[in-house]
Each structure stands twice: as structure tokens, then as C-alpha cells.
Amino acid sequence: MYIPPSERPHNPEKDERIALASMLAVSPSLQSRGLGLELVKRCLVYAAQAWGATHADTQVFESQESLMAWYERYGFVRQPGLNETHESNRRRLLNPTGERGRYAVLRISLDKHTLAKFDTHHSQTARL
């Protein structure tokens, strides 16, 4: 996860700094061991501590309902209308089935309460 400071979305009216956590993946053979959650946790904590991010977005293909539900279980909220905005700024992407598809944007606040849940110092180690 990296966004150069000049390219990070920033809403000065709301004092929001939004990090983008995208292209996160765990090999299917290693899924269901906590690695994905650990990866997301570390990205969120890093974005808040190193960049001062107040929120983080991720993008999920709309056809991947189970993945969107996974992110929502951990506090991400779908952002209606942002999928068109993000999609218009990028080439259309291929989803995992190889078809062209649209993606939804999910956002999480990186406030102290949320970060306490994701603090890697208190998280369990993923099972390898």
C-alpha cells in the first residue's frame, strides 16, 4: 500500500486524509488462516501512524459479494456513488473471472477506537 503524498485524497474541509489499500490478496491455498486480516490490520495501522490517514478505502469487484461482506464484518462501509468516480479515473479492470467489471469502494474510519481493534501488537499471529 503506497500513495505518494501529492496523490493522496485529502478533503481539507473535513480534515480527512484517505489512504487506499488496494491489490491486497492471499493465495487461495493460504486463505482461512488469518493472513488476510493480518495484512489489512498492518496496512491500516501503518496508514494512520506513518501518513496520518484518517480513513482508508479499499476496492472490491461488485461481483465479489462474499469479499465485500468480509470487509464489512471488520468495519468497512460501502460508499455509494464512489465506484463510478474511481472507475472513471482508471482503466476498466478485469475481475478474478477474467471479465470486465466494476468495483465498489468500501471505507473505514481510522479513529482511535478502530485502530485499537486493529493494533498489530495485540493481534493474534496468523496461522501458517
Protein backbone atom coordinates (compact mmCIF):
# COMPACT_ATOMS: atom_id res chain seq x y z
CA MET A 1 0.00 0.00 0.00
CA TYR A 2 1.64 3.21 -1.11
CA ILE A 3 0.29 6.53 -2.27
CA PRO A 4 2.71 9.43 -2.78
CA PRO A 5 1.72 12.39 -0.57
CA SER A 6 0.84 14.56 -3.56
CA GLU A 7 -1.63 11.93 -4.86
CA ARG A 8 -3.40 11.04 -1.61
CA PRO A 9 -7.02 12.20 -1.50
CA HIS A 10 -7.42 14.98 1.02
CA ASN A 11 -10.57 16.84 1.95
CA PRO A 12 -9.38 19.97 3.81
CA GLU A 13 -12.96 20.99 4.67
CA LYS A 14 -13.37 17.84 6.75
CA ASP A 15 -9.67 17.40 7.54
CA GLU A 16 -9.77 13.91 6.01
CA ARG A 17 -6.73 12.08 4.69
CA ILE A 18 -7.77 8.93 2.85
CA ALA A 19 -5.33 6.06 2.24
CA LEU A 20 -6.04 3.48 -0.44
CA ALA A 21 -5.47 -0.16 0.46
CA SER A 22 -5.79 -2.00 -2.83
CA MET A 23 -4.48 -5.08 -4.58
CA LEU A 24 -4.33 -6.96 -1.29
CA ALA A 25 -4.53 -10.71 -1.81
CA VAL A 26 -3.81 -14.01 -0.12
CA SER A 27 -3.14 -17.14 -2.14
CA PRO A 28 -6.19 -19.45 -2.10
CA SER A 29 -4.04 -22.21 -0.60
CA LEU A 30 -3.27 -19.97 2.40
CA GLN A 31 -6.72 -18.49 2.98
CA SER A 32 -8.76 -19.06 6.17
CA ARG A 33 -5.67 -18.77 8.35
CA GLY A 34 -5.95 -15.12 9.37
CA LEU A 35 -3.37 -13.84 6.88
CA GLY A 36 -5.79 -11.52 5.06
CA LEU A 37 -6.96 -9.91 8.28
CA GLU A 38 -3.36 -9.51 9.46
CA LEU A 39 -2.44 -7.88 6.14
CA VAL A 40 -5.36 -5.44 6.37
CA LYS A 41 -4.59 -4.67 10.04
CA ARG A 42 -0.99 -3.81 9.30
CA CYS A 43 -1.94 -1.62 6.33
CA LEU A 44 -4.50 0.34 8.36
CA VAL A 45 -2.23 0.90 11.34
CA TYR A 46 0.65 1.92 9.07
CA ALA A 47 -1.53 4.35 7.09
CA ALA A 48 -2.70 6.04 10.28
CA GLN A 49 0.66 6.17 12.04
CA ALA A 50 3.03 6.90 9.15
CA TRP A 51 0.80 9.03 6.92
CA GLY A 52 -1.71 10.49 9.34
CA ALA A 53 -4.58 8.93 7.38
CA THR A 54 -8.00 9.45 8.94
CA HIS A 55 -9.76 6.93 6.69
CA ALA A 56 -8.84 4.08 4.37
CA ASP A 57 -10.59 2.91 1.22
CA THR A 58 -10.41 -0.44 -0.49
CA GLN A 59 -11.89 -1.51 -3.79
CA VAL A 60 -13.72 -4.77 -4.41
CA PHE A 61 -15.33 -6.01 -7.59
CA GLU A 62 -19.09 -5.71 -7.23
CA SER A 63 -19.42 -9.37 -8.25
CA GLN A 64 -17.44 -10.44 -5.16
CA GLU A 65 -20.23 -10.15 -2.60
CA SER A 66 -18.52 -12.52 -0.15
CA LEU A 67 -15.35 -10.40 -0.13
CA MET A 68 -17.37 -7.21 0.39
CA ALA A 69 -19.14 -8.92 3.30
CA TRP A 70 -15.74 -9.91 4.75
CA TYR A 71 -14.58 -6.26 4.75
CA GLU A 72 -17.91 -5.12 6.21
CA ARG A 73 -17.52 -7.57 9.13
CA TYR A 74 -14.39 -5.64 10.10
CA GLY A 75 -15.98 -2.19 9.90
CA PHE A 76 -15.65 -1.12 6.27
CA VAL A 77 -18.74 0.61 4.83
CA ARG A 78 -19.73 0.73 1.16
CA GLN A 79 -19.54 4.19 -0.35
CA PRO A 80 -22.42 4.53 -2.84
CA GLY A 81 -21.52 6.61 -5.85
CA LEU A 82 -17.76 6.39 -5.42
CA ASN A 83 -17.50 3.36 -7.68
CA GLU A 84 -18.33 5.49 -10.73
CA THR A 85 -15.89 8.22 -9.68
CA HIS A 86 -13.00 5.84 -9.08
CA GLU A 87 -13.79 3.80 -12.18
CA SER A 88 -13.87 6.86 -14.43
CA ASN A 89 -10.34 7.74 -13.33
CA ARG A 90 -8.87 4.35 -14.15
CA ARG A 91 -8.91 1.80 -16.92
CA ARG A 92 -11.68 -0.72 -16.59
CA LEU A 93 -10.31 -3.63 -14.66
CA LEU A 94 -10.61 -7.37 -15.09
CA ASN A 95 -12.22 -9.20 -12.20
CA PRO A 96 -10.94 -12.60 -11.00
CA THR A 97 -13.08 -14.44 -13.55
CA GLY A 98 -11.38 -12.51 -16.35
CA GLU A 99 -14.46 -10.48 -17.20
CA ARG A 100 -14.52 -6.72 -17.25
CA GLY A 101 -16.25 -5.42 -14.17
CA ARG A 102 -16.96 -2.53 -11.89
CA TYR A 103 -15.80 -2.27 -8.35
CA ALA A 104 -17.27 -0.83 -5.20
CA VAL A 105 -15.39 1.35 -2.75
CA LEU A 106 -15.51 0.48 0.94
CA ARG A 107 -14.22 2.91 3.59
CA ILE A 108 -13.22 2.62 7.22
CA SER A 109 -12.50 5.37 9.73
CA LEU A 110 -9.07 5.18 11.31
CA ASP A 111 -10.09 6.68 14.64
CA LYS A 112 -8.57 5.53 17.94
CA HIS A 113 -11.38 3.04 18.60
CA THR A 114 -10.97 1.36 15.22
CA LEU A 115 -7.19 1.31 15.42
CA ALA A 116 -7.34 -0.30 18.88
CA LYS A 117 -9.19 -3.24 17.28
CA PHE A 118 -6.54 -3.47 14.57
CA ASP A 119 -3.44 -2.80 16.67
CA THR A 120 -0.94 -5.41 15.47
CA HIS A 121 0.81 -5.52 18.83
CA HIS A 122 -2.30 -7.08 20.36
CA SER A 123 -3.42 -9.18 17.42
CA GLN A 124 -3.05 -12.90 17.21
CA THR A 125 -0.42 -14.24 14.88
CA ALA A 126 -1.78 -15.63 11.64
CA ARG A 127 -1.59 -19.40 11.30
CA LEU A 128 0.80 -20.58 8.59
